Amino acid sequence: MIVCVCRAISDRDIQSAAAAGAERCADIFRCRDTEPQCGSCVGIIVDLLRESAQVRGTALACAR
């Protein structure tokens, strides 16, 4: 599913970036070589990063 409509970032993109070591929203956008535009996706990105960290069994202190 598309999480960030402004930058066409999907949940799979976020999961892949998290698997590669992304821990913050900024890391997700950096992986895509872009920046957030409207910011409405940040909450969902944080939730997906936390979920990915739980699946990997790592702690994540992801600030919005």
Protein backbone atom coordinates (compact mmCIF):
# COMPACT_ATOMS: atom_id res chain seq x y z
CA MET A 1 0.00 0.00 0.00
CA ILE A 2 1.15 3.55 -0.61
CA VAL A 3 2.00 5.26 2.68
CA CYS A 4 3.36 8.54 1.34
CA VAL A 5 1.29 9.77 -1.57
CA CYS A 6 3.48 12.85 -2.08
CA ARG A 7 6.64 10.77 -2.60
CA ALA A 8 5.11 7.42 -3.68
CA ILE A 9 6.61 5.46 -0.78
CA SER A 10 4.98 2.14 -0.03
CA ASP A 11 4.89 -0.02 3.07
CA ARG A 12 7.25 -2.41 1.26
CA ASP A 13 9.72 0.42 0.68
CA ILE A 14 9.62 1.17 4.41
CA GLN A 15 10.05 -2.48 5.37
CA SER A 16 13.00 -2.84 2.99
CA ALA A 17 14.64 0.29 4.34
CA ALA A 18 14.07 -0.90 7.92
CA ALA A 19 15.65 -4.26 7.09
CA ALA A 20 18.64 -2.32 5.72
CA GLY A 21 18.98 -0.40 8.98
CA ALA A 22 16.60 2.57 8.73
CA GLU A 23 15.42 3.56 12.20
CA ARG A 24 13.90 7.02 11.71
CA CYS A 25 11.52 8.66 9.29
CA ALA A 26 14.40 10.73 7.95
CA ASP A 27 16.20 7.50 7.07
CA ILE A 28 13.27 6.39 4.94
CA PHE A 29 13.27 9.61 2.93
CA ARG A 30 17.07 9.57 2.69
CA CYS A 31 16.91 6.03 1.24
CA ARG A 32 14.60 7.41 -1.44
CA ASP A 33 16.80 10.48 -1.97
CA THR A 34 13.93 12.82 -1.13
CA GLU A 35 12.39 14.79 1.73
CA PRO A 36 8.90 14.74 3.26
CA GLN A 37 6.46 17.14 1.68
CA CYS A 38 3.24 17.44 3.68
CA GLY A 39 4.15 15.20 6.64
CA SER A 40 0.82 13.39 6.90
CA CYS A 41 2.60 10.04 6.43
CA VAL A 42 5.02 10.42 9.35
CA GLY A 43 2.80 8.71 11.92
CA ILE A 44 2.27 5.67 9.72
CA ILE A 45 5.98 5.49 8.89
CA VAL A 46 6.83 5.55 12.60
CA ASP A 47 4.32 2.76 13.25
CA LEU A 48 5.75 0.64 10.43
CA LEU A 49 9.31 1.18 11.63
CA ARG A 50 8.33 0.13 15.15
CA GLU A 51 6.54 -2.93 13.79
CA SER A 52 9.60 -3.89 11.73
CA ALA A 53 11.83 -3.46 14.78
CA GLN A 54 9.56 -5.74 16.81
CA VAL A 55 9.64 -8.39 14.10
CA ARG A 56 13.44 -8.22 14.11
CA GLY A 57 13.46 -8.26 17.90
CA THR A 58 15.26 -4.95 18.26
CA ALA A 59 14.35 -1.90 20.30
CA LEU A 60 13.52 1.24 18.38
CA ALA A 61 13.16 4.72 19.80
CA CYS A 62 11.69 6.38 16.75
CA ALA A 63 10.74 9.97 17.36
CA ARG A 64 8.24 11.66 15.10
